[in-house]
Amino acid sequence: MTVSLVVIMFELTGGLEYIVPLMAAAMTSKWVADALEREGIYVAHIRLNGYPFLEAKGEFSHKTLAMGVMRPRRGEPPLSVLTQDGVTVGDAEALIASTSYSGFPVITSPESQRLVGFVLRRDLVISIENARKRQEGVGSASKIFFTEYTPPPLPDSSAPLKLRGIMDLSPFTVTDLTAMDIVVDIFRKLGLRQCLVTHNGRLLGIITKKDILKHMAQMADQDPDSILFN
């Protein structure tokens, strides 16, 4: 990088006599910067901006399982989910207003917790807004269906809202007994933001990139709460 910087400066200035002073200045500044801080400017900006960046290089050698990293943990509120045929437009809008998650898992029912798919927050918001404006009879009492077939509406009932088209039918999942080194490798290679944790097709929790970074900090004997994200 130092040599490249000198060549670029030479091409910009066209001064052959300045090559040696430029090289000396670049090398001196690099030595001073390395003495003060070893990380590069890109890493420093990522840390200052609070971006959840997972480095492609590096090894995760700790023997932990996905069930120990996923959320919700013991004592935390349950996972915010949608059911495939039992939620209304008002319920979905209340869930959107009370949370800041980027998406919601879709399950068959609260009793079975069988995973069906995953819906992004922005797609759900846009679909509900468009349906209220363009589809007649859609209100807060209208039922949302993520199923392929919907039952005929009852007399004097609000028009149903079919949103199966916005649902990801094959979200990326891992089992609760998956080793975390495999999960970290999957996040690095596929660039995932979140991964659902299941057991025999039953939804248990979710792992995000932020959870992995905090877990890695905890394994390195650091305070996981000291890592802040914007």
C-alpha atoms as a PDB file:
ATOM      1  CA  MET A   1       0.000   0.000   0.000  1.00  0.00           C
ATOM      2  CA  THR A   2       2.887   2.384   0.745  1.00  0.00           C
ATOM      3  CA  VAL A   3       4.461   1.815  -2.661  1.00  0.00           C
ATOM      4  CA  SER A   4       1.092   2.179  -4.381  1.00  0.00           C
ATOM      5  CA  LEU A   5       0.481   5.480  -2.595  1.00  0.00           C
ATOM      6  CA  VAL A   6       3.850   6.838  -3.747  1.00  0.00           C
ATOM      7  CA  VAL A   7       3.149   5.765  -7.349  1.00  0.00           C
ATOM      8  CA  ILE A   8      -0.286   7.427  -7.262  1.00  0.00           C
ATOM      9  CA  MET A   9       1.204  10.665  -5.923  1.00  0.00           C
ATOM     10  CA  PHE A  10       3.877  10.555  -8.645  1.00  0.00           C
ATOM     11  CA  GLU A  11       1.195  10.109 -11.324  1.00  0.00           C
ATOM     12  CA  LEU A  12      -0.818  13.013  -9.916  1.00  0.00           C
ATOM     13  CA  THR A  13       2.060  15.440  -9.534  1.00  0.00           C
ATOM     14  CA  GLY A  14       4.350  14.275 -12.329  1.00  0.00           C
ATOM     15  CA  GLY A  15       7.345  15.290 -10.226  1.00  0.00           C
ATOM     16  CA  LEU A  16      10.076  12.679 -10.527  1.00  0.00           C
ATOM     17  CA  GLU A  17      12.244  14.508  -8.011  1.00  0.00           C
ATOM     18  CA  TYR A  18       9.574  14.080  -5.287  1.00  0.00           C
ATOM     19  CA  ILE A  19       9.552  10.266  -5.310  1.00  0.00           C
ATOM     20  CA  VAL A  20      12.143   9.879  -2.538  1.00  0.00           C
ATOM     21  CA  PRO A  21      10.587  12.533  -0.222  1.00  0.00           C
ATOM     22  CA  LEU A  22       7.129  11.074  -0.792  1.00  0.00           C
ATOM     23  CA  MET A  23       8.343   7.567  -0.038  1.00  0.00           C
ATOM     24  CA  ALA A  24      10.088   8.760   3.129  1.00  0.00           C
ATOM     25  CA  ALA A  25       6.973  10.637   4.263  1.00  0.00           C
ATOM     26  CA  ALA A  26       4.699   7.662   3.525  1.00  0.00           C
ATOM     27  CA  MET A  27       6.964   5.207   5.339  1.00  0.00           C
ATOM     28  CA  THR A  28       7.331   7.517   8.349  1.00  0.00           C
ATOM     29  CA  SER A  29       3.563   8.002   8.612  1.00  0.00           C
ATOM     30  CA  LYS A  30       3.007   4.235   8.344  1.00  0.00           C
ATOM     31  CA  TRP A  31       5.532   3.521  11.103  1.00  0.00           C
ATOM     32  CA  VAL A  32       3.912   6.107  13.373  1.00  0.00           C
ATOM     33  CA  ALA A  33       0.426   4.748  12.654  1.00  0.00           C
ATOM     34  CA  ASP A  34       1.517   1.158  13.323  1.00  0.00           C
ATOM     35  CA  ALA A  35       3.089   2.241  16.601  1.00  0.00           C
ATOM     36  CA  LEU A  36      -0.127   3.900  17.739  1.00  0.00           C
ATOM     37  CA  GLU A  37      -2.701   1.400  16.418  1.00  0.00           C
ATOM     38  CA  ARG A  38      -2.372  -1.763  14.365  1.00  0.00           C
ATOM     39  CA  GLU A  39      -5.883  -1.786  12.885  1.00  0.00           C
ATOM     40  CA  GLY A  40      -6.538  -0.137   9.541  1.00  0.00           C
ATOM     41  CA  ILE A  41      -8.736   2.837   8.817  1.00  0.00           C
ATOM     42  CA  TYR A  42     -11.560   0.640   7.484  1.00  0.00           C
ATOM     43  CA  VAL A  43     -11.661  -1.446  10.661  1.00  0.00           C
ATOM     44  CA  ALA A  44     -11.597   1.728  12.754  1.00  0.00           C
ATOM     45  CA  HIS A  45     -14.558   3.186  10.849  1.00  0.00           C
ATOM     46  CA  ILE A  46     -16.504  -0.066  11.211  1.00  0.00           C
ATOM     47  CA  ARG A  47     -15.917  -0.019  14.960  1.00  0.00           C
ATOM     48  CA  LEU A  48     -16.722   3.688  15.349  1.00  0.00           C
ATOM     49  CA  ASN A  49     -19.929   3.416  13.303  1.00  0.00           C
ATOM     50  CA  GLY A  50     -21.076   0.360  15.234  1.00  0.00           C
ATOM     51  CA  TYR A  51     -21.480  -1.837  12.155  1.00  0.00           C
ATOM     52  CA  PRO A  52     -21.880  -5.566  12.952  1.00  0.00           C
ATOM     53  CA  PHE A  53     -19.017  -6.739  10.761  1.00  0.00           C
ATOM     54  CA  LEU A  54     -17.880 -10.360  10.889  1.00  0.00           C
ATOM     55  CA  GLU A  55     -14.368 -10.782   9.549  1.00  0.00           C
ATOM     56  CA  ALA A  56     -13.940 -13.380   6.828  1.00  0.00           C
ATOM     57  CA  LYS A  57     -10.597 -14.469   8.276  1.00  0.00           C
ATOM     58  CA  GLY A  58     -10.011 -15.923  11.685  1.00  0.00           C
ATOM     59  CA  GLU A  59     -10.883 -19.130  13.460  1.00  0.00           C
ATOM     60  CA  PHE A  60     -13.572 -19.945  15.999  1.00  0.00           C
ATOM     61  CA  SER A  61     -12.259 -22.837  18.055  1.00  0.00           C
ATOM     62  CA  HIS A  62     -14.665 -22.764  21.004  1.00  0.00           C
ATOM     63  CA  LYS A  63     -16.884 -25.810  21.501  1.00  0.00           C
ATOM     64  CA  THR A  64     -20.300 -24.225  21.908  1.00  0.00           C
ATOM     65  CA  LEU A  65     -23.666 -25.049  20.380  1.00  0.00           C
ATOM     66  CA  ALA A  66     -26.296 -22.944  18.661  1.00  0.00           C
ATOM     67  CA  MET A  67     -28.711 -23.424  21.564  1.00  0.00           C
ATOM     68  CA  GLY A  68     -26.316 -21.509  23.842  1.00  0.00           C
ATOM     69  CA  VAL A  69     -26.160 -18.451  21.581  1.00  0.00           C
ATOM     70  CA  MET A  70     -29.675 -18.201  20.161  1.00  0.00           C
ATOM     71  CA  ARG A  71     -32.336 -15.862  21.451  1.00  0.00           C
ATOM     72  CA  PRO A  72     -34.619 -15.783  23.321  1.00  0.00           C
ATOM     73  CA  ARG A  73     -32.709 -17.072  26.300  1.00  0.00           C
ATOM     74  CA  ARG A  74     -34.087 -18.166  29.626  1.00  0.00           C
ATOM     75  CA  GLY A  75     -35.954 -15.320  31.285  1.00  0.00           C
ATOM     76  CA  GLU A  76     -36.315 -13.282  28.071  1.00  0.00           C
ATOM     77  CA  PRO A  77     -39.612 -12.553  26.274  1.00  0.00           C
ATOM     78  CA  PRO A  78     -40.688 -15.100  23.662  1.00  0.00           C
ATOM     79  CA  LEU A  79     -39.750 -14.713  20.016  1.00  0.00           C
ATOM     80  CA  SER A  80     -41.962 -12.338  18.014  1.00  0.00           C
ATOM     81  CA  VAL A  81     -43.635 -14.473  15.340  1.00  0.00           C
ATOM     82  CA  LEU A  82     -46.570 -14.500  12.932  1.00  0.00           C
ATOM     83  CA  THR A  83     -48.968 -17.380  12.409  1.00  0.00           C
ATOM     84  CA  GLN A  84     -49.820 -18.486   8.895  1.00  0.00           C
ATOM     85  CA  ASP A  85     -53.592 -18.039   9.212  1.00  0.00           C
ATOM     86  CA  GLY A  86     -54.435 -16.682  12.668  1.00  0.00           C
ATOM     87  CA  VAL A  87     -53.189 -13.087  12.687  1.00  0.00           C
ATOM     88  CA  THR A  88     -55.115  -9.973  11.703  1.00  0.00           C
ATOM     89  CA  VAL A  89     -53.906  -6.783  10.061  1.00  0.00           C
ATOM     90  CA  GLY A  90     -54.267  -4.978  13.389  1.00  0.00           C
ATOM     91  CA  ASP A  91     -52.163  -7.601  15.154  1.00  0.00           C
ATOM     92  CA  ALA A  92     -49.439  -7.335  12.511  1.00  0.00           C
ATOM     93  CA  GLU A  93     -49.410  -3.522  12.702  1.00  0.00           C
ATOM     94  CA  ALA A  94     -49.178  -3.677  16.499  1.00  0.00           C
ATOM     95  CA  LEU A  95     -46.271  -6.120  16.241  1.00  0.00           C
ATOM     96  CA  ILE A  96     -44.492  -3.837  13.772  1.00  0.00           C
ATOM     97  CA  ALA A  97     -45.042  -0.784  15.975  1.00  0.00           C
ATOM     98  CA  SER A  98     -43.807  -2.486  19.153  1.00  0.00           C
ATOM     99  CA  THR A  99     -40.642  -4.050  17.697  1.00  0.00           C
ATOM    100  CA  SER A 100     -37.711  -2.992  15.538  1.00  0.00           C
ATOM    101  CA  TYR A 101     -36.778  -6.379  14.088  1.00  0.00           C
ATOM    102  CA  SER A 102     -35.957  -6.678  10.398  1.00  0.00           C
ATOM    103  CA  GLY A 103     -38.239  -9.677   9.951  1.00  0.00           C
ATOM    104  CA  PHE A 104     -40.544 -12.193  11.600  1.00  0.00           C
ATOM    105  CA  PRO A 105     -40.700 -15.991  11.432  1.00  0.00           C
ATOM    106  CA  VAL A 106     -44.006 -17.505  10.325  1.00  0.00           C
ATOM    107  CA  ILE A 107     -45.259 -20.592  12.163  1.00  0.00           C
ATOM    108  CA  THR A 108     -48.294 -22.825  11.780  1.00  0.00           C
ATOM    109  CA  SER A 109     -49.692 -22.163  15.255  1.00  0.00           C
ATOM    110  CA  PRO A 110     -48.489 -21.158  18.743  1.00  0.00           C
ATOM    111  CA  GLU A 111     -49.078 -24.710  19.917  1.00  0.00           C
ATOM    112  CA  SER A 112     -47.012 -26.576  17.327  1.00  0.00           C
ATOM    113  CA  GLN A 113     -44.414 -23.843  16.599  1.00  0.00           C
ATOM    114  CA  ARG A 114     -43.804 -25.518  13.235  1.00  0.00           C
ATOM    115  CA  LEU A 115     -41.740 -23.198  11.042  1.00  0.00           C
ATOM    116  CA  VAL A 116     -43.312 -22.203   7.730  1.00  0.00           C
ATOM    117  CA  GLY A 117     -41.200 -19.293   6.477  1.00  0.00           C
ATOM    118  CA  PHE A 118     -39.827 -15.830   7.141  1.00  0.00           C
ATOM    119  CA  VAL A 119     -41.250 -12.400   6.282  1.00  0.00           C
ATOM    120  CA  LEU A 120     -39.176  -9.233   6.044  1.00  0.00           C
ATOM    121  CA  ARG A 121     -40.440  -6.244   7.964  1.00  0.00           C
ATOM    122  CA  ARG A 122     -40.317  -3.841   5.011  1.00  0.00           C
ATOM    123  CA  ASP A 123     -42.248  -6.242   2.749  1.00  0.00           C
ATOM    124  CA  LEU A 124     -44.944  -6.673   5.391  1.00  0.00           C
ATOM    125  CA  VAL A 125     -45.301  -2.921   5.929  1.00  0.00           C
ATOM    126  CA  ILE A 126     -45.510  -2.159   2.202  1.00  0.00           C
ATOM    127  CA  SER A 127     -48.006  -4.950   1.558  1.00  0.00           C
ATOM    128  CA  ILE A 128     -50.359  -3.831   4.331  1.00  0.00           C
ATOM    129  CA  GLU A 129     -50.189  -0.185   3.231  1.00  0.00           C
ATOM    130  CA  ASN A 130     -50.887  -1.073  -0.397  1.00  0.00           C
ATOM    131  CA  ALA A 131     -53.766  -3.362   0.573  1.00  0.00           C
ATOM    132  CA  ARG A 132     -55.413  -0.662   2.687  1.00  0.00           C
ATOM    133  CA  LYS A 133     -55.189   1.804  -0.210  1.00  0.00           C
ATOM    134  CA  ARG A 134     -56.053  -0.411  -3.166  1.00  0.00           C
ATOM    135  CA  GLN A 135     -57.993  -3.421  -1.882  1.00  0.00           C
ATOM    136  CA  GLU A 136     -61.583  -2.827  -0.889  1.00  0.00           C
ATOM    137  CA  GLY A 137     -62.750  -4.098   2.489  1.00  0.00           C
ATOM    138  CA  VAL A 138     -59.309  -4.504   4.082  1.00  0.00           C
ATOM    139  CA  GLY A 139     -59.224  -3.210   7.654  1.00  0.00           C
ATOM    140  CA  SER A 140     -57.708  -3.917  11.023  1.00  0.00           C
ATOM    141  CA  ALA A 141     -59.968  -6.952  11.469  1.00  0.00           C
ATOM    142  CA  SER A 142     -58.914  -8.512   8.148  1.00  0.00           C
ATOM    143  CA  LYS A 143     -57.102 -11.809   8.504  1.00  0.00           C
ATOM    144  CA  ILE A 144     -53.685 -12.291   6.954  1.00  0.00           C
ATOM    145  CA  PHE A 145     -53.083 -15.629   5.251  1.00  0.00           C
ATOM    146  CA  PHE A 146     -49.637 -16.966   4.394  1.00  0.00           C
ATOM    147  CA  THR A 147     -51.144 -20.236   3.169  1.00  0.00           C
ATOM    148  CA  GLU A 148     -51.529 -21.309  -0.450  1.00  0.00           C
ATOM    149  CA  TYR A 149     -55.280 -21.745  -0.155  1.00  0.00           C
ATOM    150  CA  THR A 150     -57.554 -19.460   1.841  1.00  0.00           C
ATOM    151  CA  PRO A 151     -61.076 -20.244   3.052  1.00  0.00           C
ATOM    152  CA  PRO A 152     -63.930 -18.217   1.570  1.00  0.00           C
ATOM    153  CA  PRO A 153     -64.728 -15.092   3.620  1.00  0.00           C
ATOM    154  CA  LEU A 154     -67.725 -15.148   5.902  1.00  0.00           C
ATOM    155  CA  PRO A 155     -70.647 -12.811   5.275  1.00  0.00           C
ATOM    156  CA  ASP A 156     -70.206  -9.299   6.745  1.00  0.00           C
ATOM    157  CA  SER A 157     -66.543  -9.985   7.460  1.00  0.00           C
ATOM    158  CA  SER A 158     -63.512  -7.994   6.385  1.00  0.00           C
ATOM    159  CA  ALA A 159     -61.750  -8.991   3.209  1.00  0.00           C
ATOM    160  CA  PRO A 160     -58.792 -11.353   3.780  1.00  0.00           C
ATOM    161  CA  LEU A 161     -55.246 -10.392   2.896  1.00  0.00           C
ATOM    162  CA  LYS A 162     -53.121 -12.973   1.065  1.00  0.00           C
ATOM    163  CA  LEU A 163     -49.405 -12.410   1.650  1.00  0.00           C
ATOM    164  CA  ARG A 164     -47.886 -15.752   0.779  1.00  0.00           C
ATOM    165  CA  GLY A 165     -46.001 -14.109  -2.083  1.00  0.00           C
ATOM    166  CA  ILE A 166     -43.812 -12.020   0.251  1.00  0.00           C
ATOM    167  CA  MET A 167     -42.857 -14.943   2.490  1.00  0.00           C
ATOM    168  CA  ASP A 168     -39.520 -16.692   2.176  1.00  0.00           C
ATOM    169  CA  LEU A 169     -40.528 -20.350   2.075  1.00  0.00           C
ATOM    170  CA  SER A 170     -37.007 -21.639   2.734  1.00  0.00           C
ATOM    171  CA  PRO A 171     -35.265 -19.448   5.319  1.00  0.00           C
ATOM    172  CA  PHE A 172     -31.833 -20.596   6.387  1.00  0.00           C
ATOM    173  CA  THR A 173     -32.035 -22.733   9.513  1.00  0.00           C
ATOM    174  CA  VAL A 174     -29.730 -24.734  11.758  1.00  0.00           C
ATOM    175  CA  THR A 175     -30.553 -27.215  14.468  1.00  0.00           C
ATOM    176  CA  ASP A 176     -30.094 -26.443  18.125  1.00  0.00           C
ATOM    177  CA  LEU A 177     -27.188 -28.923  18.325  1.00  0.00           C
ATOM    178  CA  THR A 178     -25.186 -27.349  15.486  1.00  0.00           C
ATOM    179  CA  ALA A 179     -21.664 -26.396  16.547  1.00  0.00           C
ATOM    180  CA  MET A 180     -21.043 -22.653  16.619  1.00  0.00           C
ATOM    181  CA  ASP A 181     -17.896 -22.921  14.512  1.00  0.00           C
ATOM    182  CA  ILE A 182     -20.111 -24.208  11.683  1.00  0.00           C
ATOM    183  CA  VAL A 183     -22.649 -21.422  12.286  1.00  0.00           C
ATOM    184  CA  VAL A 184     -19.914 -18.770  12.209  1.00  0.00           C
ATOM    185  CA  ASP A 185     -18.515 -20.241   8.998  1.00  0.00           C
ATOM    186  CA  ILE A 186     -21.997 -20.165   7.435  1.00  0.00           C
ATOM    187  CA  PHE A 187     -22.478 -16.509   8.376  1.00  0.00           C
ATOM    188  CA  ARG A 188     -19.090 -15.604   6.921  1.00  0.00           C
ATOM    189  CA  LYS A 189     -19.499 -17.419   3.606  1.00  0.00           C
ATOM    190  CA  LEU A 190     -23.164 -16.639   2.942  1.00  0.00           C
ATOM    191  CA  GLY A 191     -23.287 -13.138   4.428  1.00  0.00           C
ATOM    192  CA  LEU A 192     -26.369 -13.894   6.540  1.00  0.00           C
ATOM    193  CA  ARG A 193     -28.008 -11.356   8.818  1.00  0.00           C
ATOM    194  CA  GLN A 194     -29.959 -13.921  10.807  1.00  0.00           C
ATOM    195  CA  CYS A 195     -30.433 -17.661  11.038  1.00  0.00           C
ATOM    196  CA  LEU A 196     -33.368 -19.514  12.583  1.00  0.00           C
ATOM    197  CA  VAL A 197     -32.785 -22.333  15.070  1.00  0.00           C
ATOM    198  CA  THR A 198     -35.096 -25.343  14.917  1.00  0.00           C
ATOM    199  CA  HIS A 199     -35.509 -28.772  16.465  1.00  0.00           C
ATOM    200  CA  ASN A 200     -37.334 -31.345  14.321  1.00  0.00           C
ATOM    201  CA  GLY A 201     -38.898 -28.498  12.342  1.00  0.00           C
ATOM    202  CA  ARG A 202     -40.076 -26.688  15.479  1.00  0.00           C
ATOM    203  CA  LEU A 203     -38.907 -23.091  15.877  1.00  0.00           C
ATOM    204  CA  LEU A 204     -36.780 -22.506  18.966  1.00  0.00           C
ATOM    205  CA  GLY A 205     -35.033 -19.176  18.405  1.00  0.00           C
ATOM    206  CA  ILE A 206     -32.916 -17.018  16.164  1.00  0.00           C
ATOM    207  CA  ILE A 207     -29.225 -16.164  15.848  1.00  0.00           C
ATOM    208  CA  THR A 208     -28.170 -12.820  14.396  1.00  0.00           C
ATOM    209  CA  LYS A 209     -24.760 -11.506  13.424  1.00  0.00           C
ATOM    210  CA  LYS A 210     -24.807  -9.303  16.526  1.00  0.00           C
ATOM    211  CA  ASP A 211     -25.374 -12.343  18.733  1.00  0.00           C
ATOM    212  CA  ILE A 212     -22.348 -14.042  17.168  1.00  0.00           C
ATOM    213  CA  LEU A 213     -20.109 -11.009  17.694  1.00  0.00           C
ATOM    214  CA  LYS A 214     -21.162 -10.702  21.326  1.00  0.00           C
ATOM    215  CA  HIS A 215     -20.623 -14.420  21.843  1.00  0.00           C
ATOM    216  CA  MET A 216     -17.144 -14.195  20.318  1.00  0.00           C
ATOM    217  CA  ALA A 217     -16.333 -11.294  22.632  1.00  0.00           C
ATOM    218  CA  GLN A 218     -17.568 -13.296  25.617  1.00  0.00           C
ATOM    219  CA  MET A 219     -15.407 -16.268  24.602  1.00  0.00           C
ATOM    220  CA  ALA A 220     -12.434 -13.875  24.451  1.00  0.00           C
ATOM    221  CA  ASP A 221     -13.079 -12.855  28.100  1.00  0.00           C
ATOM    222  CA  GLN A 222     -14.544  -9.500  27.076  1.00  0.00           C
ATOM    223  CA  ASP A 223     -17.737  -7.864  28.225  1.00  0.00           C
ATOM    224  CA  PRO A 224     -20.322  -8.585  25.486  1.00  0.00           C
ATOM    225  CA  ASP A 225     -22.343  -5.521  26.516  1.00  0.00           C
ATOM    226  CA  SER A 226     -19.346  -3.314  25.726  1.00  0.00           C
ATOM    227  CA  ILE A 227     -19.912  -3.977  21.995  1.00  0.00           C
ATOM    228  CA  LEU A 228     -22.344  -1.338  20.785  1.00  0.00           C
ATOM    229  CA  PHE A 229     -24.181  -1.379  17.461  1.00  0.00           C
ATOM    230  CA  ASN A 230     -25.882   1.485  15.654  1.00  0.00           C
END
